[in-house]
Every structure is written in structure tokens, then in C-alpha cells.
Amino acid sequence: MIEKLKKLRVGKVINNPKMSDYTTYKVGGNAIALVCPTDVNNLIKLLTYLRENNIKYKILGNGSNLIFSDNKYEGVIINLSEFNKLEINDTIVIVGAGYNLIKLSLKTARMGLSGLEFASGIPGTIGGAIFMNAGAYKSDIGYIVSEVKVLTPDLKVKTLYNKDLDFHYRSSFLQKNKDYICLEAKLVLKHGDANSIMEVIADRKQRRLLTQPLEYPSAGSVFRNPENDFAGRLIEELGYKGKNIGGAYVSEKHANFIINKDHATASDIRNLINEIKDKVKEKYGIELKVEQEFVD
């Protein structure tokens, strides 16, 4: 299969990649191959080949919300890192799905463009952020996305507008329709003062360093906050700060973070997540929703 993928000439092909190298948790087994298509036409060519041959595949951004199992992923990982176009015209930003969210947040801030300050600490890509409706500090990507170019399930390029994208708390149309692939987004920002925007970003960075375990591999918040409450508060009240299964630990700094503190396996993390879910349900009757996606 590797030779056939290379003969397609759609982009770089990596044989037998370790998914622990491509995810922020730093866990996961190998995949058959990882392919980085160079453009939309090559992505369509690749998907056509995979579908015709019944080969499983998974779209990968920055790997900041995926937990691959310890077993081999019997399929192909499609990485959209080459979809990194960026055009900024006044307050309009046209950006590829593979562009790094933190990088864009800092770039626009230095240009005196406001609207992406919330994203300065979210380690994802534009495509992943739109898929998840990533957010922080009472804002999210849904507030600034005007339209998105997607590849539809029948491999046609189509534009979806903000009203079509069904943005809600950590949710979007793309998350509920996973056969659609985000290719590019148009964001609408506002003019602001570059120094003031950078001060907000610096202040929030300092706050994150004090309150989040950024020194360890993690995937950010594990659970969505239930309505009118905080997942971290519920987990802390259970006495779960510092609780571990294998090398996976509930952070002492923030109970809604699970960290890979000591060579954790994907199973360690998954088991700890499930145990917390069960304990919260048992004690509070609340069904916590996991922000991360398990990939088998």
C-alpha cells in the first residue's frame, strides 16, 4: 500500500508513523501511513483511492484533541499541514485549515487585529478549531468565522456560511457531519491597538502558566463544563487531584486536565477519563461530556 500511495504523487507519505509523535498527549500506536496532500485536487485523488480500496482513514490537524489507542491504527492518517495558505486584507483573514491557531492569533494581534485573543493558548489548527468550535475566555471561533470552504462527502468543494455551521458550545456542523472536511476559512476580525491586544495575550499566558500544567503533555480540558458549573470543580470535590492510573495523572494545578506525567499509555488516559466520568455520574448525577475523541 505504501508504494501505491507514493505512486499517487499526492504529497509526502510517511510509512508506519507513531501517533505518539503527532498528538499532544504523546500516546498512541502506529498507523499504516501518514499522507500530507499538497492541495485540494490531491486530497480528492487520495480520498478516491482510499475509498475505492476500502481503506480506513482519519483527518489529523495538530492532534490536540485525539487519543489514538495503543494498538495499530489499521488505516491512513491524512495530515492537512500543507493547507497553510494565509491572506490578510484589512480585517478579513483567509486561512487554510492546516494553519496553526496560536501562530495566527499572535500574527493578527501584532498587526492590531482583534478577535483571536482567546485562541493564543489553544494548540490546534484552524480546521480543528472550527470542527470543535474551540474557545476560551467566553469567546470561540464561531464568533469570527464568516464562511468555510469544505470538501463534501461526494468530494465536491462547497462554501458553508456561518449560519450553516451550527456553532454551539464546543460543537459545530462539521463535528456532527464528519464526512465533510474543512479546507479553508474566512475570518472577520476588528481593528484594535496592537499593544493592548498583546497585553491581553501576555496576561492570559501568565494566568495559564499559573493555573494549567503546561509543562506536561496533555490535550487541554478533558471534559466540557456542564451547564452552570465547572467540570474541574466537580472532579476536585471528588478528591481526584493527583489521582493516577499508570502514567496518567489528574493535574494538581487544574482538575480538568489529565497529564502524561510518566510514560502513560493511551489505555491509562482512557481508563482515568472513564473512571472520572463514572464517579461524577455516581455522586452528582451529571453525565460529563469528553472533549477529546478516542480513535481505535
Protein backbone atom coordinates (compact mmCIF):
# COMPACT_ATOMS: atom_id res chain seq x y z
CA MET A 1 0.00 0.00 0.00
CA ILE A 2 2.85 2.40 0.79
CA GLU A 3 4.21 2.04 -2.75
CA LYS A 4 0.75 2.63 -4.21
CA LEU A 5 0.29 5.74 -2.06
CA LYS A 6 3.66 7.07 -3.25
CA LYS A 7 2.75 6.39 -6.88
CA LEU A 8 -0.33 8.59 -6.48
CA ARG A 9 2.07 11.55 -6.12
CA VAL A 10 -0.32 13.47 -3.91
CA GLY A 11 2.22 14.61 -1.31
CA LYS A 12 4.62 13.33 1.32
CA VAL A 13 4.00 9.75 2.52
CA ILE A 14 5.36 8.57 5.88
CA ASN A 15 5.46 4.82 6.48
CA ASN A 16 4.36 3.37 9.84
CA PRO A 17 4.17 6.68 11.76
CA LYS A 18 3.97 6.65 15.56
CA MET A 19 0.82 8.53 16.51
CA SER A 20 2.52 9.49 19.77
CA ASP A 21 4.65 11.82 17.60
CA TYR A 22 1.59 13.52 16.15
CA THR A 23 -0.62 14.07 19.20
CA THR A 24 -0.26 16.42 22.16
CA TYR A 25 -0.87 13.61 24.68
CA LYS A 26 2.18 11.82 23.19
CA VAL A 27 0.42 8.43 23.23
CA GLY A 28 -0.87 6.01 20.62
CA GLY A 29 0.31 3.16 18.44
CA ASN A 30 1.46 3.28 14.84
CA ALA A 31 -0.66 3.81 11.72
CA ILE A 32 -0.12 2.21 8.32
CA ALA A 33 0.86 5.54 6.77
CA LEU A 34 0.56 9.29 7.13
CA VAL A 35 -0.02 11.34 3.96
CA CYS A 36 0.26 15.13 3.58
CA PRO A 37 -1.65 16.07 0.40
CA THR A 38 -0.37 19.30 -1.16
CA ASP A 39 -3.71 20.72 -2.36
CA VAL A 40 -7.43 20.02 -2.75
CA ASN A 41 -7.06 18.11 -6.01
CA ASN A 42 -4.51 15.78 -4.46
CA LEU A 43 -6.69 15.35 -1.37
CA ILE A 44 -9.59 14.30 -3.64
CA LYS A 45 -7.29 11.92 -5.52
CA LEU A 46 -6.12 10.38 -2.25
CA LEU A 47 -9.64 10.02 -0.82
CA THR A 48 -10.87 8.45 -4.07
CA TYR A 49 -8.11 5.83 -3.88
CA LEU A 50 -8.75 5.09 -0.20
CA ARG A 51 -12.49 4.74 -0.70
CA GLU A 52 -12.18 2.56 -3.81
CA ASN A 53 -9.93 0.21 -1.84
CA ASN A 54 -11.98 0.29 1.40
CA ILE A 55 -9.05 1.69 3.36
CA LYS A 56 -9.88 3.36 6.68
CA TYR A 57 -8.64 6.94 7.08
CA LYS A 58 -8.62 9.78 9.61
CA ILE A 59 -8.09 13.52 9.12
CA LEU A 60 -5.48 14.91 11.51
CA GLY A 61 -4.84 18.51 12.47
CA ASN A 62 -2.48 19.22 15.35
CA GLY A 63 -3.57 16.10 17.24
CA SER A 64 -4.58 18.17 20.27
CA ASN A 65 -7.97 16.54 20.72
CA LEU A 66 -7.36 12.96 19.63
CA ILE A 67 -6.45 9.94 21.74
CA PHE A 68 -5.23 7.13 19.50
CA SER A 69 -5.30 3.68 21.07
CA ASP A 70 -2.09 1.79 21.87
CA ASN A 71 -2.90 -0.67 19.08
CA LYS A 72 -2.04 -0.15 15.44
CA TYR A 73 -4.42 2.13 13.54
CA GLU A 74 -5.23 -0.04 10.54
CA GLY A 75 -5.63 2.86 8.19
CA VAL A 76 -4.14 6.03 6.72
CA ILE A 77 -3.77 9.34 8.54
CA ILE A 78 -4.35 12.40 6.36
CA ASN A 79 -2.49 15.45 7.64
CA LEU A 80 -3.57 18.81 6.21
CA SER A 81 -0.43 20.70 7.28
CA GLU A 82 0.17 21.74 3.64
CA PHE A 83 -3.16 23.59 3.67
CA ASN A 84 -1.43 26.60 5.19
CA LYS A 85 -2.39 29.49 2.91
CA LEU A 86 -2.78 32.88 4.62
CA GLU A 87 -4.12 36.14 3.15
CA ILE A 88 -4.92 39.17 5.28
CA ASN A 89 -6.80 42.02 3.66
CA ASP A 90 -7.72 44.77 6.15
CA THR A 91 -9.83 42.88 8.74
CA ILE A 92 -10.56 39.86 6.51
CA VAL A 93 -8.40 36.76 7.01
CA ILE A 94 -8.45 33.87 4.51
CA VAL A 95 -6.62 30.94 6.08
CA GLY A 96 -6.01 27.27 5.29
CA ALA A 97 -7.33 24.51 7.55
CA GLY A 98 -3.81 23.37 8.45
CA TYR A 99 -2.61 26.76 9.70
CA ASN A 100 -1.60 26.83 13.36
CA LEU A 101 -4.18 28.63 15.52
CA ILE A 102 -1.72 30.07 18.07
CA LYS A 103 0.55 31.33 15.27
CA LEU A 104 -2.41 33.08 13.60
CA SER A 105 -3.59 34.56 16.90
CA LEU A 106 -0.18 36.12 17.56
CA LYS A 107 0.32 37.29 13.97
CA THR A 108 -3.04 39.09 13.80
CA ALA A 109 -2.55 40.57 17.29
CA ARG A 110 0.79 42.13 16.25
CA MET A 111 -0.99 43.64 13.24
CA GLY A 112 -3.54 45.31 15.52
CA LEU A 113 -6.37 42.95 14.63
CA SER A 114 -8.66 41.89 17.46
CA GLY A 115 -10.87 38.79 17.73
CA LEU A 116 -8.41 35.93 18.06
CA GLU A 117 -7.02 36.77 21.52
CA PHE A 118 -8.94 33.83 23.03
CA ALA A 119 -7.01 31.42 20.78
CA SER A 120 -3.47 32.39 21.83
CA GLY A 121 -3.19 29.31 24.08
CA ILE A 122 -5.15 26.72 22.05
CA PRO A 123 -2.72 24.27 20.41
CA GLY A 124 -4.75 23.34 17.34
CA THR A 125 -5.19 24.13 13.67
CA ILE A 126 -7.83 26.33 12.05
CA GLY A 127 -9.66 23.25 10.75
CA GLY A 128 -9.60 21.56 14.15
CA ALA A 129 -10.76 24.76 15.87
CA ILE A 130 -13.75 25.09 13.54
CA PHE A 131 -14.57 21.38 13.90
CA MET A 132 -14.59 21.71 17.72
CA ASN A 133 -15.74 25.34 17.86
CA ALA A 134 -12.68 25.87 20.03
CA GLY A 135 -12.92 28.66 22.54
CA ALA A 136 -11.76 30.22 25.79
CA TYR A 137 -12.44 33.34 27.88
CA LYS A 138 -16.14 33.40 26.89
CA SER A 139 -15.34 33.55 23.18
CA ASP A 140 -14.93 30.98 20.43
CA ILE A 141 -14.10 30.62 16.75
CA GLY A 142 -17.81 30.69 15.86
CA TYR A 143 -17.94 34.42 16.62
CA ILE A 144 -15.41 35.29 13.90
CA VAL A 145 -15.92 32.69 11.14
CA SER A 146 -17.75 34.17 8.18
CA GLU A 147 -17.56 31.18 5.84
CA VAL A 148 -15.73 27.90 5.37
CA LYS A 149 -14.73 26.01 2.24
CA VAL A 150 -15.36 22.32 2.74
CA LEU A 151 -14.98 19.10 0.82
CA THR A 152 -18.38 17.37 0.83
CA PRO A 153 -18.91 13.60 1.23
CA ASP A 154 -19.24 13.34 -2.58
CA LEU A 155 -15.85 15.12 -2.92
CA LYS A 156 -17.14 18.48 -4.16
CA VAL A 157 -15.81 21.80 -2.87
CA LYS A 158 -18.60 23.84 -1.29
CA THR A 159 -18.86 27.03 0.77
CA LEU A 160 -20.72 26.90 4.09
CA TYR A 161 -21.65 30.17 5.79
CA ASN A 162 -21.73 30.92 9.50
CA LYS A 163 -25.46 30.17 9.76
CA ASP A 164 -24.86 26.74 8.14
CA LEU A 165 -22.10 25.80 10.57
CA ASP A 166 -24.39 25.44 13.60
CA PHE A 167 -21.83 26.68 16.11
CA HIS A 168 -22.65 25.93 19.75
CA TYR A 169 -20.52 25.35 22.86
CA ARG A 170 -17.67 23.06 21.64
CA SER A 171 -19.88 21.88 18.79
CA SER A 172 -20.38 22.54 15.07
CA PHE A 173 -21.98 21.18 11.90
CA LEU A 174 -18.62 19.61 10.96
CA GLN A 175 -18.44 17.70 14.23
CA LYS A 176 -21.85 16.18 13.57
CA ASN A 177 -21.08 15.56 9.86
CA LYS A 178 -17.61 14.08 9.90
CA ASP A 179 -17.55 13.25 6.17
CA TYR A 180 -17.22 16.99 5.49
CA ILE A 181 -13.62 18.21 5.55
CA CYS A 182 -12.67 21.81 6.36
CA LEU A 183 -10.29 23.19 3.71
CA GLU A 184 -10.17 26.92 4.33
CA ALA A 185 -11.90 29.61 6.38
CA LYS A 186 -12.71 33.29 6.09
CA LEU A 187 -12.47 35.10 9.44
CA VAL A 188 -13.67 38.63 10.16
CA LEU A 189 -11.65 40.48 12.80
CA LYS A 190 -11.74 44.09 14.09
CA HIS A 191 -9.20 46.88 14.21
CA GLY A 192 -7.64 47.39 17.62
CA ASP A 193 -4.49 48.60 19.32
CA ALA A 194 -1.65 46.08 18.86
CA ASN A 195 -0.05 46.87 22.24
CA SER A 196 -3.34 46.47 24.13
CA ILE A 197 -4.12 43.20 22.36
CA MET A 198 -0.63 41.83 23.09
CA GLU A 199 -1.01 42.85 26.75
CA VAL A 200 -4.24 40.82 27.00
CA ILE A 201 -2.47 37.82 25.43
CA ALA A 202 0.54 38.17 27.77
CA ASP A 203 -1.73 38.44 30.82
CA ARG A 204 -3.65 35.32 29.83
CA LYS A 205 -0.44 33.42 29.14
CA GLN A 206 0.78 34.24 32.64
CA ARG A 207 -2.55 33.08 34.08
CA ARG A 208 -2.34 29.79 32.14
CA LEU A 209 1.20 29.16 33.37
CA LEU A 210 -0.02 29.58 36.96
CA THR A 211 -3.22 27.53 36.64
CA GLN A 212 -2.57 24.90 33.94
CA PRO A 213 0.01 22.07 33.79
CA LEU A 214 1.64 23.26 30.56
CA GLU A 215 4.90 21.50 31.43
CA TYR A 216 3.37 18.07 30.69
CA PRO A 217 1.80 16.55 27.57
CA SER A 218 -1.99 16.89 27.70
CA ALA A 219 -4.92 17.78 25.47
CA GLY A 220 -6.21 20.71 27.48
CA SER A 221 -9.57 20.44 29.20
CA VAL A 222 -10.79 16.84 29.22
CA PHE A 223 -14.48 17.48 29.87
CA ARG A 224 -16.90 20.13 28.72
CA ASN A 225 -18.28 22.24 31.53
CA PRO A 226 -21.83 21.19 32.44
CA GLU A 227 -24.41 23.98 32.38
CA ASN A 228 -23.87 26.50 35.17
CA ASP A 229 -20.97 24.55 36.65
CA PHE A 230 -17.33 23.60 36.06
CA ALA A 231 -16.06 20.10 35.38
CA GLY A 232 -12.84 20.91 37.25
CA ARG A 233 -14.77 21.81 40.41
CA LEU A 234 -16.72 18.53 40.36
CA ILE A 235 -13.55 16.47 39.84
CA GLU A 236 -11.68 18.35 42.58
CA GLU A 237 -14.56 17.83 45.02
CA LEU A 238 -14.26 14.09 44.38
CA GLY A 239 -10.71 14.35 45.71
CA TYR A 240 -9.27 13.36 42.34
CA LYS A 241 -6.47 15.92 42.05
CA GLY A 242 -3.25 13.89 41.75
CA LYS A 243 -5.17 10.65 41.14
CA ASN A 244 -3.41 8.41 38.63
CA ILE A 245 -3.78 5.29 36.56
CA GLY A 246 -0.34 4.22 35.36
CA GLY A 247 1.47 7.27 34.00
CA ALA A 248 -1.72 9.30 33.51
CA TYR A 249 -2.48 11.78 36.30
CA VAL A 250 -5.20 14.28 37.13
CA SER A 251 -3.29 17.55 37.35
CA GLU A 252 -2.71 19.07 40.78
CA LYS A 253 -2.98 22.51 39.16
CA HIS A 254 -6.28 22.01 37.33
CA ALA A 255 -8.55 19.02 37.91
CA ASN A 256 -9.99 19.14 34.37
CA PHE A 257 -6.55 18.36 32.90
CA ILE A 258 -5.19 14.84 32.60
CA ILE A 259 -1.45 14.83 32.01
CA ASN A 260 1.00 12.30 30.65
CA LYS A 261 3.34 12.56 33.62
CA ASP A 262 5.24 9.29 33.42
CA HIS A 263 5.18 7.42 30.08
CA ALA A 264 1.40 7.00 30.13
CA THR A 265 -0.28 4.70 27.65
CA ALA A 266 -3.45 5.61 25.78
CA SER A 267 -5.21 3.00 27.92
CA ASP A 268 -4.06 4.73 31.12
CA ILE A 269 -5.59 8.02 29.93
CA ARG A 270 -8.78 6.43 28.64
CA ASN A 271 -9.30 4.42 31.84
CA LEU A 272 -8.76 7.51 34.02
CA ILE A 273 -11.23 9.53 31.92
CA ASN A 274 -13.86 6.77 32.17
CA GLU A 275 -13.34 6.37 35.91
CA ILE A 276 -13.84 10.12 36.47
CA LYS A 277 -16.97 10.09 34.29
CA ASP A 278 -18.40 7.20 36.30
CA LYS A 279 -17.59 8.78 39.69
CA VAL A 280 -19.10 12.16 38.74
CA LYS A 281 -22.26 10.44 37.45
CA GLU A 282 -22.47 8.34 40.63
CA LYS A 283 -22.01 11.27 43.04
CA TYR A 284 -23.69 14.19 41.24
CA GLY A 285 -25.92 12.54 38.63
CA ILE A 286 -24.13 14.58 35.95
CA GLU A 287 -23.02 12.98 32.67
CA LEU A 288 -19.76 14.72 31.79
CA LYS A 289 -19.05 15.03 28.06
CA VAL A 290 -15.49 14.26 26.94
CA GLU A 291 -13.96 16.95 24.70
CA GLN A 292 -11.40 14.55 23.25
CA GLU A 293 -12.07 11.88 20.65
CA PHE A 294 -10.95 8.27 21.11
CA VAL A 295 -9.56 6.73 17.90
CA ASP A 296 -9.27 2.94 17.59
